[in-house]
Amino acid sequence: VEYISMDKAYLKLNVGETYLLTPTIYPENATNKHIDWQTKDPEV
């Protein structure tokens, strides 16, 4: 994988709302496209 582009670079939500964040992986033929997700502040 050389680059990961997110469908949203900036996102506003209200408490209780959800959103499916979609990443695009480059190159498209990357062998391993597995993604691990992390949050910097789980209280937020």
PDB file of all heavy atoms in Angstrom:
ATOM      1  N   VAL A   1       0.854  -1.181   0.000  1.00  0.00           N
ATOM      2  CA  VAL A   1       0.000   0.000   0.000  1.00  0.00           C
ATOM      3  C   VAL A   1       0.896   1.239   0.000  1.00  0.00           C
ATOM      4  O   VAL A   1       1.824   1.361   0.802  1.00  0.00           O
ATOM      5  CB  VAL A   1      -0.916  -0.002   1.229  1.00  0.00           C
ATOM      6  CG1 VAL A   1      -1.742   1.277   1.274  1.00  0.00           C
ATOM      7  CG2 VAL A   1      -1.830  -1.225   1.211  1.00  0.00           C
ATOM      8  N   GLU A   2       0.612   2.164  -0.891  1.00  0.00           N
ATOM      9  CA  GLU A   2       1.411   3.374  -0.995  1.00  0.00           C
ATOM     10  C   GLU A   2       0.703   4.612  -0.444  1.00  0.00           C
ATOM     11  O   GLU A   2       1.363   5.560   0.014  1.00  0.00           O
ATOM     12  CB  GLU A   2       1.789   3.606  -2.460  1.00  0.00           C
ATOM     13  CG  GLU A   2       2.640   2.492  -3.060  1.00  0.00           C
ATOM     14  CD  GLU A   2       2.929   2.709  -4.522  1.00  0.00           C
ATOM     15  OE1 GLU A   2       2.479   3.759  -5.065  1.00  0.00           O
ATOM     16  OE2 GLU A   2       3.582   1.847  -5.143  1.00  0.00           O
ATOM     17  N   TYR A   3      -0.625   4.568  -0.463  1.00  0.00           N
ATOM     18  CA  TYR A   3      -1.373   5.755  -0.036  1.00  0.00           C
ATOM     19  C   TYR A   3      -2.787   5.338   0.304  1.00  0.00           C
ATOM     20  O   TYR A   3      -3.356   4.450  -0.330  1.00  0.00           O
ATOM     21  CB  TYR A   3      -1.355   6.807  -1.153  1.00  0.00           C
ATOM     22  CG  TYR A   3      -2.120   8.075  -0.843  1.00  0.00           C
ATOM     23  CD1 TYR A   3      -1.644   8.992   0.088  1.00  0.00           C
ATOM     24  CD2 TYR A   3      -3.325   8.362  -1.483  1.00  0.00           C
ATOM     25  CE1 TYR A   3      -2.347  10.167   0.369  1.00  0.00           C
ATOM     26  CE2 TYR A   3      -4.019   9.522  -1.228  1.00  0.00           C
ATOM     27  CZ  TYR A   3      -3.533  10.426  -0.287  1.00  0.00           C
ATOM     28  OH  TYR A   3      -4.232  11.582  -0.009  1.00  0.00           O
ATOM     29  N   ILE A   4      -3.371   6.013   1.332  1.00  0.00           N
ATOM     30  CA  ILE A   4      -4.761   5.779   1.726  1.00  0.00           C
ATOM     31  C   ILE A   4      -5.486   7.118   1.720  1.00  0.00           C
ATOM     32  O   ILE A   4      -5.068   8.054   2.417  1.00  0.00           O
ATOM     33  CB  ILE A   4      -4.871   5.119   3.110  1.00  0.00           C
ATOM     34  CG1 ILE A   4      -4.190   3.746   3.113  1.00  0.00           C
ATOM     35  CG2 ILE A   4      -6.341   4.976   3.511  1.00  0.00           C
ATOM     36  CD1 ILE A   4      -4.173   3.075   4.468  1.00  0.00           C
ATOM     37  N   SER A   5      -6.519   7.180   0.938  1.00  0.00           N
ATOM     38  CA  SER A   5      -7.342   8.386   0.865  1.00  0.00           C
ATOM     39  C   SER A   5      -8.679   8.113   1.551  1.00  0.00           C
ATOM     40  O   SER A   5      -9.317   7.081   1.297  1.00  0.00           O
ATOM     41  CB  SER A   5      -7.553   8.792  -0.595  1.00  0.00           C
ATOM     42  OG  SER A   5      -8.452   9.882  -0.691  1.00  0.00           O
ATOM     43  N   MET A   6      -9.142   9.062   2.424  1.00  0.00           N
ATOM     44  CA  MET A   6     -10.412   8.912   3.135  1.00  0.00           C
ATOM     45  C   MET A   6     -11.494   9.678   2.400  1.00  0.00           C
ATOM     46  O   MET A   6     -11.248  10.730   1.804  1.00  0.00           O
ATOM     47  CB  MET A   6     -10.285   9.422   4.562  1.00  0.00           C
ATOM     48  CG  MET A   6      -9.067   8.882   5.315  1.00  0.00           C
ATOM     49  SD  MET A   6      -9.126   7.107   5.570  1.00  0.00           S
ATOM     50  CE  MET A   6     -10.285   7.023   6.904  1.00  0.00           C
ATOM     51  N   ASP A   7     -12.699   9.144   2.389  1.00  0.00           N
ATOM     52  CA  ASP A   7     -13.793   9.858   1.737  1.00  0.00           C
ATOM     53  C   ASP A   7     -14.134  11.170   2.446  1.00  0.00           C
ATOM     54  O   ASP A   7     -14.741  12.070   1.852  1.00  0.00           O
ATOM     55  CB  ASP A   7     -15.017   8.968   1.621  1.00  0.00           C
ATOM     56  CG  ASP A   7     -15.615   8.634   2.979  1.00  0.00           C
ATOM     57  OD1 ASP A   7     -14.845   8.394   3.925  1.00  0.00           O
ATOM     58  OD2 ASP A   7     -16.853   8.594   3.093  1.00  0.00           O
ATOM     59  N   LYS A   8     -13.776  11.288   3.723  1.00  0.00           N
ATOM     60  CA  LYS A   8     -13.933  12.518   4.485  1.00  0.00           C
ATOM     61  C   LYS A   8     -12.635  12.847   5.196  1.00  0.00           C
ATOM     62  O   LYS A   8     -12.142  12.048   5.994  1.00  0.00           O
ATOM     63  CB  LYS A   8     -15.055  12.399   5.526  1.00  0.00           C
ATOM     64  CG  LYS A   8     -16.443  12.184   4.946  1.00  0.00           C
ATOM     65  CD  LYS A   8     -16.981  13.457   4.294  1.00  0.00           C
ATOM     66  CE  LYS A   8     -18.425  13.259   3.855  1.00  0.00           C
ATOM     67  NZ  LYS A   8     -18.996  14.481   3.203  1.00  0.00           N
ATOM     68  N   ALA A   9     -12.078  13.974   4.852  1.00  0.00           N
ATOM     69  CA  ALA A   9     -10.889  14.407   5.580  1.00  0.00           C
ATOM     70  C   ALA A   9     -11.260  15.117   6.882  1.00  0.00           C
ATOM     71  O   ALA A   9     -10.467  15.154   7.823  1.00  0.00           O
ATOM     72  CB  ALA A   9     -10.043  15.332   4.704  1.00  0.00           C
ATOM     73  N   TYR A  10     -12.493  15.681   6.930  1.00  0.00           N
ATOM     74  CA  TYR A  10     -12.989  16.368   8.112  1.00  0.00           C
ATOM     75  C   TYR A  10     -14.459  16.034   8.249  1.00  0.00           C
ATOM     76  O   TYR A  10     -15.218  16.058   7.276  1.00  0.00           O
ATOM     77  CB  TYR A  10     -12.779  17.880   7.989  1.00  0.00           C
ATOM     78  CG  TYR A  10     -13.270  18.668   9.177  1.00  0.00           C
ATOM     79  CD1 TYR A  10     -12.508  18.761  10.336  1.00  0.00           C
ATOM     80  CD2 TYR A  10     -14.513  19.300   9.133  1.00  0.00           C
ATOM     81  CE1 TYR A  10     -12.971  19.494  11.435  1.00  0.00           C
ATOM     82  CE2 TYR A  10     -14.967  20.037  10.218  1.00  0.00           C
ATOM     83  CZ  TYR A  10     -14.207  20.108  11.375  1.00  0.00           C
ATOM     84  OH  TYR A  10     -14.672  20.824  12.482  1.00  0.00           O
ATOM     85  N   LEU A  11     -14.888  15.722   9.480  1.00  0.00           N
ATOM     86  CA  LEU A  11     -16.261  15.264   9.701  1.00  0.00           C
ATOM     87  C   LEU A  11     -16.788  15.839  11.006  1.00  0.00           C
ATOM     88  O   LEU A  11     -16.114  15.782  12.035  1.00  0.00           O
ATOM     89  CB  LEU A  11     -16.305  13.737   9.733  1.00  0.00           C
ATOM     90  CG  LEU A  11     -17.665  13.083   9.925  1.00  0.00           C
ATOM     91  CD1 LEU A  11     -18.586  13.378   8.747  1.00  0.00           C
ATOM     92  CD2 LEU A  11     -17.500  11.562  10.082  1.00  0.00           C
ATOM     93  N   LYS A  12     -18.016  16.403  10.957  1.00  0.00           N
ATOM     94  CA  LYS A  12     -18.714  16.875  12.145  1.00  0.00           C
ATOM     95  C   LYS A  12     -19.875  15.958  12.455  1.00  0.00           C
ATOM     96  O   LYS A  12     -20.668  15.618  11.581  1.00  0.00           O
ATOM     97  CB  LYS A  12     -19.234  18.298  11.946  1.00  0.00           C
ATOM     98  CG  LYS A  12     -18.200  19.384  12.080  1.00  0.00           C
ATOM     99  CD  LYS A  12     -18.849  20.760  12.014  1.00  0.00           C
ATOM    100  CE  LYS A  12     -17.862  21.874  12.251  1.00  0.00           C
ATOM    101  NZ  LYS A  12     -18.527  23.213  12.255  1.00  0.00           N
ATOM    102  N   LEU A  13     -20.005  15.562  13.700  1.00  0.00           N
ATOM    103  CA  LEU A  13     -21.109  14.731  14.163  1.00  0.00           C
ATOM    104  C   LEU A  13     -21.637  15.267  15.471  1.00  0.00           C
ATOM    105  O   LEU A  13     -20.929  15.971  16.210  1.00  0.00           O
ATOM    106  CB  LEU A  13     -20.646  13.282  14.335  1.00  0.00           C
ATOM    107  CG  LEU A  13     -20.195  12.498  13.089  1.00  0.00           C
ATOM    108  CD1 LEU A  13     -19.648  11.138  13.510  1.00  0.00           C
ATOM    109  CD2 LEU A  13     -21.340  12.316  12.105  1.00  0.00           C
ATOM    110  N   ASN A  14     -22.861  14.880  15.741  1.00  0.00           N
ATOM    111  CA  ASN A  14     -23.426  15.121  17.055  1.00  0.00           C
ATOM    112  C   ASN A  14     -23.283  13.865  17.888  1.00  0.00           C
ATOM    113  O   ASN A  14     -23.179  12.745  17.360  1.00  0.00           O
ATOM    114  CB  ASN A  14     -24.900  15.517  16.949  1.00  0.00           C
ATOM    115  CG  ASN A  14     -25.090  16.864  16.255  1.00  0.00           C
ATOM    116  OD1 ASN A  14     -24.332  17.817  16.491  1.00  0.00           O
ATOM    117  ND2 ASN A  14     -26.118  16.940  15.399  1.00  0.00           N
ATOM    118  N   VAL A  15     -23.264  14.061  19.197  1.00  0.00           N
ATOM    119  CA  VAL A  15     -23.169  12.920  20.092  1.00  0.00           C
ATOM    120  C   VAL A  15     -24.302  11.938  19.785  1.00  0.00           C
ATOM    121  O   VAL A  15     -25.446  12.331  19.646  1.00  0.00           O
ATOM    122  CB  VAL A  15     -23.204  13.363  21.560  1.00  0.00           C
ATOM    123  CG1 VAL A  15     -23.248  12.135  22.463  1.00  0.00           C
ATOM    124  CG2 VAL A  15     -22.004  14.224  21.904  1.00  0.00           C
ATOM    125  N   GLY A  16     -23.886  10.683  19.629  1.00  0.00           N
ATOM    126  CA  GLY A  16     -24.860   9.649  19.340  1.00  0.00           C
ATOM    127  C   GLY A  16     -24.965   9.292  17.872  1.00  0.00           C
ATOM    128  O   GLY A  16     -25.507   8.242  17.517  1.00  0.00           O
ATOM    129  N   GLU A  17     -24.455  10.144  16.988  1.00  0.00           N
ATOM    130  CA  GLU A  17     -24.503   9.858  15.562  1.00  0.00           C
ATOM    131  C   GLU A  17     -23.376   8.901  15.149  1.00  0.00           C
ATOM    132  O   GLU A  17     -22.342   8.816  15.814  1.00  0.00           O
ATOM    133  CB  GLU A  17     -24.424  11.145  14.758  1.00  0.00           C
ATOM    134  CG  GLU A  17     -25.643  12.037  14.880  1.00  0.00           C
ATOM    135  CD  GLU A  17     -25.555  13.275  14.019  1.00  0.00           C
ATOM    136  OE1 GLU A  17     -24.429  13.731  13.736  1.00  0.00           O
ATOM    137  OE2 GLU A  17     -26.622  13.781  13.623  1.00  0.00           O
ATOM    138  N   THR A  18     -23.613   8.263  14.019  1.00  0.00           N
ATOM    139  CA  THR A  18     -22.604   7.356  13.462  1.00  0.00           C
ATOM    140  C   THR A  18     -22.334   7.730  12.010  1.00  0.00           C
ATOM    141  O   THR A  18     -23.164   8.374  11.342  1.00  0.00           O
ATOM    142  CB  THR A  18     -23.045   5.887  13.531  1.00  0.00           C
ATOM    143  OG1 THR A  18     -24.250   5.727  12.763  1.00  0.00           O
ATOM    144  CG2 THR A  18     -23.296   5.467  14.979  1.00  0.00           C
ATOM    145  N   TYR A  19     -21.178   7.241  11.496  1.00  0.00           N
ATOM    146  CA  TYR A  19     -20.812   7.494  10.106  1.00  0.00           C
ATOM    147  C   TYR A  19     -19.864   6.395   9.643  1.00  0.00           C
ATOM    148  O   TYR A  19     -18.914   6.024  10.347  1.00  0.00           O
ATOM    149  CB  TYR A  19     -20.148   8.872   9.946  1.00  0.00           C
ATOM    150  CG  TYR A  19     -19.818   9.201   8.507  1.00  0.00           C
ATOM    151  CD1 TYR A  19     -20.781   9.754   7.678  1.00  0.00           C
ATOM    152  CD2 TYR A  19     -18.555   8.935   7.970  1.00  0.00           C
ATOM    153  CE1 TYR A  19     -20.488  10.058   6.340  1.00  0.00           C
ATOM    154  CE2 TYR A  19     -18.258   9.227   6.650  1.00  0.00           C
ATOM    155  CZ  TYR A  19     -19.243   9.777   5.837  1.00  0.00           C
ATOM    156  OH  TYR A  19     -18.962  10.070   4.525  1.00  0.00           O
ATOM    157  N   LEU A  20     -20.135   5.886   8.439  1.00  0.00           N
ATOM    158  CA  LEU A  20     -19.259   4.870   7.833  1.00  0.00           C
ATOM    159  C   LEU A  20     -18.170   5.572   7.054  1.00  0.00           C
ATOM    160  O   LEU A  20     -18.428   6.146   5.996  1.00  0.00           O
ATOM    161  CB  LEU A  20     -20.047   3.924   6.930  1.00  0.00           C
ATOM    162  CG  LEU A  20     -19.227   2.885   6.173  1.00  0.00           C
ATOM    163  CD1 LEU A  20     -18.455   1.965   7.133  1.00  0.00           C
ATOM    164  CD2 LEU A  20     -20.125   2.058   5.250  1.00  0.00           C
ATOM    165  N   LEU A  21     -16.975   5.514   7.571  1.00  0.00           N
ATOM    166  CA  LEU A  21     -15.833   6.135   6.921  1.00  0.00           C
ATOM    167  C   LEU A  21     -15.258   5.156   5.893  1.00  0.00           C
ATOM    168  O   LEU A  21     -14.969   3.997   6.215  1.00  0.00           O
ATOM    169  CB  LEU A  21     -14.788   6.510   7.958  1.00  0.00           C
ATOM    170  CG  LEU A  21     -13.695   7.495   7.546  1.00  0.00           C
ATOM    171  CD1 LEU A  21     -14.303   8.843   7.151  1.00  0.00           C
ATOM    172  CD2 LEU A  21     -12.712   7.705   8.696  1.00  0.00           C
ATOM    173  N   THR A  22     -15.084   5.621   4.654  1.00  0.00           N
ATOM    174  CA  THR A  22     -14.641   4.750   3.562  1.00  0.00           C
ATOM    175  C   THR A  22     -13.245   5.145   3.099  1.00  0.00           C
ATOM    176  O   THR A  22     -13.052   6.260   2.608  1.00  0.00           O
ATOM    177  CB  THR A  22     -15.607   4.820   2.387  1.00  0.00           C
ATOM    178  OG1 THR A  22     -16.936   4.479   2.837  1.00  0.00           O
ATOM    179  CG2 THR A  22     -15.173   3.860   1.284  1.00  0.00           C
ATOM    180  N   PRO A  23     -12.269   4.231   3.240  1.00  0.00           N
ATOM    181  CA  PRO A  23     -10.924   4.516   2.743  1.00  0.00           C
ATOM    182  C   PRO A  23     -10.748   3.990   1.316  1.00  0.00           C
ATOM    183  O   PRO A  23     -11.355   3.001   0.925  1.00  0.00           O
ATOM    184  CB  PRO A  23     -10.026   3.767   3.717  1.00  0.00           C
ATOM    185  CG  PRO A  23     -10.835   2.561   4.096  1.00  0.00           C
ATOM    186  CD  PRO A  23     -12.288   2.984   4.052  1.00  0.00           C
ATOM    187  N   THR A  24      -9.914   4.632   0.523  1.00  0.00           N
ATOM    188  CA  THR A  24      -9.512   4.153  -0.797  1.00  0.00           C
ATOM    189  C   THR A  24      -8.016   3.874  -0.767  1.00  0.00           C
ATOM    190  O   THR A  24      -7.228   4.755  -0.423  1.00  0.00           O
ATOM    191  CB  THR A  24      -9.825   5.176  -1.893  1.00  0.00           C
ATOM    192  OG1 THR A  24     -11.246   5.438  -1.894  1.00  0.00           O
ATOM    193  CG2 THR A  24      -9.415   4.648  -3.258  1.00  0.00           C
ATOM    194  N   ILE A  25      -7.668   2.658  -1.125  1.00  0.00           N
ATOM    195  CA  ILE A  25      -6.284   2.219  -1.021  1.00  0.00           C
ATOM    196  C   ILE A  25      -5.616   2.301  -2.384  1.00  0.00           C
ATOM    197  O   ILE A  25      -6.182   1.865  -3.400  1.00  0.00           O
ATOM    198  CB  ILE A  25      -6.220   0.784  -0.472  1.00  0.00           C
ATOM    199  CG1 ILE A  25      -6.800   0.738   0.949  1.00  0.00           C
ATOM    200  CG2 ILE A  25      -4.784   0.256  -0.475  1.00  0.00           C
ATOM    201  CD1 ILE A  25      -6.931  -0.654   1.515  1.00  0.00           C
ATOM    202  N   TYR A  26      -4.415   2.839  -2.413  1.00  0.00           N
ATOM    203  CA  TYR A  26      -3.605   2.928  -3.627  1.00  0.00           C
ATOM    204  C   TYR A  26      -2.287   2.181  -3.417  1.00  0.00           C
ATOM    205  O   TYR A  26      -1.680   2.287  -2.344  1.00  0.00           O
ATOM    206  CB  TYR A  26      -3.338   4.387  -3.999  1.00  0.00           C
ATOM    207  CG  TYR A  26      -4.577   5.197  -4.293  1.00  0.00           C
ATOM    208  CD1 TYR A  26      -5.180   5.942  -3.291  1.00  0.00           C
ATOM    209  CD2 TYR A  26      -5.146   5.205  -5.558  1.00  0.00           C
ATOM    210  CE1 TYR A  26      -6.324   6.685  -3.543  1.00  0.00           C
ATOM    211  CE2 TYR A  26      -6.291   5.961  -5.818  1.00  0.00           C
ATOM    212  CZ  TYR A  26      -6.869   6.695  -4.811  1.00  0.00           C
ATOM    213  OH  TYR A  26      -8.014   7.433  -5.073  1.00  0.00           O
ATOM    214  N   PRO A  27      -1.821   1.409  -4.446  1.00  0.00           N
ATOM    215  CA  PRO A  27      -2.529   1.127  -5.699  1.00  0.00           C
ATOM    216  C   PRO A  27      -3.692   0.180  -5.495  1.00  0.00           C
ATOM    217  O   PRO A  27      -3.782  -0.495  -4.460  1.00  0.00           O
ATOM    218  CB  PRO A  27      -1.434   0.502  -6.567  1.00  0.00           C
ATOM    219  CG  PRO A  27      -0.540  -0.177  -5.592  1.00  0.00           C
ATOM    220  CD  PRO A  27      -0.520   0.722  -4.384  1.00  0.00           C
ATOM    221  N   GLU A  28      -4.547   0.124  -6.509  1.00  0.00           N
ATOM    222  CA  GLU A  28      -5.740  -0.699  -6.393  1.00  0.00           C
ATOM    223  C   GLU A  28      -5.397  -2.184  -6.281  1.00  0.00           C
ATOM    224  O   GLU A  28      -6.169  -2.943  -5.695  1.00  0.00           O
ATOM    225  CB  GLU A  28      -6.659  -0.480  -7.598  1.00  0.00           C
ATOM    226  CG  GLU A  28      -7.262   0.908  -7.655  1.00  0.00           C
ATOM    227  CD  GLU A  28      -8.222   1.069  -8.814  1.00  0.00           C
ATOM    228  OE1 GLU A  28      -8.360   0.081  -9.581  1.00  0.00           O
ATOM    229  OE2 GLU A  28      -8.821   2.143  -8.974  1.00  0.00           O
ATOM    230  N   ASN A  29      -4.235  -2.592  -6.867  1.00  0.00           N
ATOM    231  CA  ASN A  29      -3.860  -4.010  -6.832  1.00  0.00           C
ATOM    232  C   ASN A  29      -2.945  -4.341  -5.666  1.00  0.00           C
ATOM    233  O   ASN A  29      -2.208  -5.337  -5.708  1.00  0.00           O
ATOM    234  CB  ASN A  29      -3.201  -4.413  -8.140  1.00  0.00           C
ATOM    235  CG  ASN A  29      -1.917  -3.662  -8.416  1.00  0.00           C
ATOM    236  OD1 ASN A  29      -1.679  -2.594  -7.860  1.00  0.00           O
ATOM    237  ND2 ASN A  29      -1.084  -4.212  -9.308  1.00  0.00           N
ATOM    238  N   ALA A  30      -2.960  -3.517  -4.655  1.00  0.00           N
ATOM    239  CA  ALA A  30      -2.168  -3.814  -3.469  1.00  0.00           C
ATOM    240  C   ALA A  30      -2.506  -5.206  -2.950  1.00  0.00           C
ATOM    241  O   ALA A  30      -3.672  -5.611  -2.941  1.00  0.00           O
ATOM    242  CB  ALA A  30      -2.394  -2.767  -2.401  1.00  0.00           C
ATOM    243  N   THR A  31      -1.463  -5.924  -2.564  1.00  0.00           N
ATOM    244  CA  THR A  31      -1.668  -7.314  -2.157  1.00  0.00           C
ATOM    245  C   THR A  31      -2.491  -7.435  -0.881  1.00  0.00           C
ATOM    246  O   THR A  31      -3.445  -8.201  -0.805  1.00  0.00           O
ATOM    247  CB  THR A  31      -0.310  -8.000  -1.968  1.00  0.00           C
ATOM    248  OG1 THR A  31       0.461  -7.871  -3.161  1.00  0.00           O
ATOM    249  CG2 THR A  31      -0.495  -9.470  -1.646  1.00  0.00           C
ATOM    250  N   ASN A  32      -2.115  -6.692   0.105  1.00  0.00           N
ATOM    251  CA  ASN A  32      -2.787  -6.766   1.408  1.00  0.00           C
ATOM    252  C   ASN A  32      -3.510  -5.460   1.657  1.00  0.00           C
ATOM    253  O   ASN A  32      -2.889  -4.429   1.929  1.00  0.00           O
ATOM    254  CB  ASN A  32      -1.756  -7.048   2.499  1.00  0.00           C
ATOM    255  CG  ASN A  32      -2.397  -7.331   3.838  1.00  0.00           C
ATOM    256  OD1 ASN A  32      -3.606  -7.161   4.038  1.00  0.00           O
ATOM    257  ND2 ASN A  32      -1.587  -7.782   4.788  1.00  0.00           N
ATOM    258  N   LYS A  33      -4.827  -5.503   1.586  1.00  0.00           N
ATOM    259  CA  LYS A  33      -5.628  -4.304   1.777  1.00  0.00           C
ATOM    260  C   LYS A  33      -6.263  -4.228   3.167  1.00  0.00           C
ATOM    261  O   LYS A  33      -7.157  -3.409   3.392  1.00  0.00           O
ATOM    262  CB  LYS A  33      -6.713  -4.235   0.708  1.00  0.00           C
ATOM    263  CG  LYS A  33      -6.185  -4.053  -0.708  1.00  0.00           C
ATOM    264  CD  LYS A  33      -7.304  -3.890  -1.702  1.00  0.00           C
ATOM    265  CE  LYS A  33      -6.778  -3.648  -3.101  1.00  0.00           C
ATOM    266  NZ  LYS A  33      -7.867  -3.433  -4.082  1.00  0.00           N
ATOM    267  N   HIS A  34      -5.793  -5.046   4.055  1.00  0.00           N
ATOM    268  CA  HIS A  34      -6.355  -5.026   5.406  1.00  0.00           C
ATOM    269  C   HIS A  34      -6.070  -3.687   6.089  1.00  0.00           C
ATOM    270  O   HIS A  34      -4.964  -3.147   6.007  1.00  0.00           O
ATOM    271  CB  HIS A  34      -5.781  -6.170   6.232  1.00  0.00           C
ATOM    272  CG  HIS A  34      -6.244  -6.153   7.650  1.00  0.00           C
ATOM    273  ND1 HIS A  34      -7.515  -6.541   8.028  1.00  0.00           N
ATOM    274  CD2 HIS A  34      -5.602  -5.771   8.800  1.00  0.00           C
ATOM    275  CE1 HIS A  34      -7.651  -6.414   9.324  1.00  0.00           C
ATOM    276  NE2 HIS A  34      -6.497  -5.948   9.836  1.00  0.00           N
ATOM    277  N   ILE A  35      -7.095  -3.185   6.779  1.00  0.00           N
ATOM    278  CA  ILE A  35      -7.002  -1.903   7.482  1.00  0.00           C
ATOM    279  C   ILE A  35      -7.275  -2.111   8.962  1.00  0.00           C
ATOM    280  O   ILE A  35      -8.248  -2.770   9.344  1.00  0.00           O
ATOM    281  CB  ILE A  35      -7.993  -0.874   6.899  1.00  0.00           C
ATOM    282  CG1 ILE A  35      -7.626  -0.524   5.460  1.00  0.00           C
ATOM    283  CG2 ILE A  35      -8.041   0.390   7.767  1.00  0.00           C
ATOM    284  CD1 ILE A  35      -6.327   0.199   5.317  1.00  0.00           C
ATOM    285  N   ASP A  36      -6.419  -1.533   9.770  1.00  0.00           N
ATOM    286  CA  ASP A  36      -6.669  -1.436  11.204  1.00  0.00           C
ATOM    287  C   ASP A  36      -7.129  -0.015  11.525  1.00  0.00           C
ATOM    288  O   ASP A  36      -6.512   0.956  11.071  1.00  0.00           O
ATOM    289  CB  ASP A  36      -5.407  -1.767  12.009  1.00  0.00           C
ATOM    290  CG  ASP A  36      -5.044  -3.237  11.927  1.00  0.00           C
ATOM    291  OD1 ASP A  36      -5.965  -4.070  11.906  1.00  0.00           O
ATOM    292  OD2 ASP A  36      -3.831  -3.550  11.885  1.00  0.00           O
ATOM    293  N   TRP A  37      -8.211   0.068  12.328  1.00  0.00           N
ATOM    294  CA  TRP A  37      -8.786   1.371  12.656  1.00  0.00           C
ATOM    295  C   TRP A  37      -8.399   1.770  14.072  1.00  0.00           C
ATOM    296  O   TRP A  37      -8.386   0.962  14.984  1.00  0.00           O
ATOM    297  CB  TRP A  37     -10.309   1.346  12.527  1.00  0.00           C
ATOM    298  CG  TRP A  37     -10.765   1.120  11.100  1.00  0.00           C
ATOM    299  CD1 TRP A  37     -11.008  -0.060  10.484  1.00  0.00           C
ATOM    300  CD2 TRP A  37     -11.034   2.143  10.143  1.00  0.00           C
ATOM    301  NE1 TRP A  37     -11.417   0.135   9.191  1.00  0.00           N
ATOM    302  CE2 TRP A  37     -11.433   1.513   8.954  1.00  0.00           C
ATOM    303  CE3 TRP A  37     -10.974   3.547  10.174  1.00  0.00           C
ATOM    304  CZ2 TRP A  37     -11.774   2.202   7.812  1.00  0.00           C
ATOM    305  CZ3 TRP A  37     -11.325   4.245   9.034  1.00  0.00           C
ATOM    306  CH2 TRP A  37     -11.703   3.567   7.861  1.00  0.00           C
ATOM    307  N   GLN A  38      -8.137   3.050  14.244  1.00  0.00           N
ATOM    308  CA  GLN A  38      -7.786   3.587  15.557  1.00  0.00           C
ATOM    309  C   GLN A  38      -8.429   4.959  15.749  1.00  0.00           C
ATOM    310  O   GLN A  38      -8.632   5.693  14.780  1.00  0.00           O
ATOM    311  CB  GLN A  38      -6.261   3.715  15.708  1.00  0.00           C
ATOM    312  CG  GLN A  38      -5.507   2.408  15.815  1.00  0.00           C
ATOM    313  CD  GLN A  38      -4.026   2.625  16.057  1.00  0.00           C
ATOM    314  OE1 GLN A  38      -3.551   3.779  16.122  1.00  0.00           O
ATOM    315  NE2 GLN A  38      -3.280   1.527  16.198  1.00  0.00           N
ATOM    316  N   THR A  39      -8.720   5.277  16.999  1.00  0.00           N
ATOM    317  CA  THR A  39      -9.181   6.617  17.378  1.00  0.00           C
ATOM    318  C   THR A  39      -8.212   7.214  18.378  1.00  0.00           C
ATOM    319  O   THR A  39      -7.699   6.506  19.252  1.00  0.00           O
ATOM    320  CB  THR A  39     -10.598   6.585  17.972  1.00  0.00           C
ATOM    321  OG1 THR A  39     -10.987   7.928  18.347  1.00  0.00           O
ATOM    322  CG2 THR A  39     -10.671   5.667  19.182  1.00  0.00           C
ATOM    323  N   LYS A  40      -7.963   8.466  18.224  1.00  0.00           N
ATOM    324  CA  LYS A  40      -7.019   9.122  19.118  1.00  0.00           C
ATOM    325  C   LYS A  40      -7.627   9.358  20.500  1.00  0.00           C
ATOM    326  O   LYS A  40      -6.915   9.289  21.507  1.00  0.00           O
ATOM    327  CB  LYS A  40      -6.556  10.449  18.507  1.00  0.00           C
ATOM    328  CG  LYS A  40      -5.445  11.130  19.277  1.00  0.00           C
ATOM    329  CD  LYS A  40      -4.961  12.362  18.545  1.00  0.00           C
ATOM    330  CE  LYS A  40      -3.830  13.036  19.312  1.00  0.00           C
ATOM    331  NZ  LYS A  40      -3.338  14.260  18.615  1.00  0.00           N
ATOM    332  N   ASP A  41      -8.942   9.625  20.559  1.00  0.00           N
ATOM    333  CA  ASP A  41      -9.613   9.881  21.832  1.00  0.00           C
ATOM    334  C   ASP A  41     -10.930   9.131  21.847  1.00  0.00           C
ATOM    335  O   ASP A  41     -11.933   9.613  21.290  1.00  0.00           O
ATOM    336  CB  ASP A  41      -9.854  11.382  22.026  1.00  0.00           C
ATOM    337  CG  ASP A  41     -10.335  11.723  23.424  1.00  0.00           C
ATOM    338  OD1 ASP A  41     -10.650  10.786  24.193  1.00  0.00           O
ATOM    339  OD2 ASP A  41     -10.407  12.933  23.735  1.00  0.00           O
ATOM    340  N   PRO A  42     -10.991   7.966  22.466  1.00  0.00           N
ATOM    341  CA  PRO A  42     -12.243   7.187  22.500  1.00  0.00           C
ATOM    342  C   PRO A  42     -13.343   7.841  23.327  1.00  0.00           C
ATOM    343  O   PRO A  42     -14.490   7.397  23.253  1.00  0.00           O
ATOM    344  CB  PRO A  42     -11.794   5.856  23.101  1.00  0.00           C
ATOM    345  CG  PRO A  42     -10.551   6.157  23.853  1.00  0.00           C
ATOM    346  CD  PRO A  42      -9.881   7.268  23.124  1.00  0.00           C
ATOM    347  N   GLU A  43     -13.023   8.908  24.134  1.00  0.00           N
ATOM    348  CA  GLU A  43     -14.047   9.622  24.864  1.00  0.00           C
ATOM    349  C   GLU A  43     -14.847  10.548  23.957  1.00  0.00           C
ATOM    350  O   GLU A  43     -15.936  10.974  24.313  1.00  0.00           O
ATOM    351  CB  GLU A  43     -13.408  10.425  26.000  1.00  0.00           C
ATOM    352  CG  GLU A  43     -12.658   9.598  27.020  1.00  0.00           C
ATOM    353  CD  GLU A  43     -13.579   8.686  27.814  1.00  0.00           C
ATOM    354  OE1 GLU A  43     -14.757   9.060  28.031  1.00  0.00           O
ATOM    355  OE2 GLU A  43     -13.134   7.566  28.184  1.00  0.00           O
ATOM    356  N   VAL A  44     -14.249  10.804  22.804  1.00  0.00           N
ATOM    357  CA  VAL A  44     -14.922  11.680  21.849  1.00  0.00           C
ATOM    358  C   VAL A  44     -15.623  10.848  20.771  1.00  0.00           C
ATOM    359  O   VAL A  44     -16.791  11.060  20.451  1.00  0.00           O
ATOM    360  CB  VAL A  44     -13.916  12.652  21.201  1.00  0.00           C
ATOM    361  CG1 VAL A  44     -14.611  13.508  20.129  1.00  0.00           C
ATOM    362  CG2 VAL A  44     -13.299  13.541  22.257  1.00  0.00           C
TER     363      VAL A  44
END
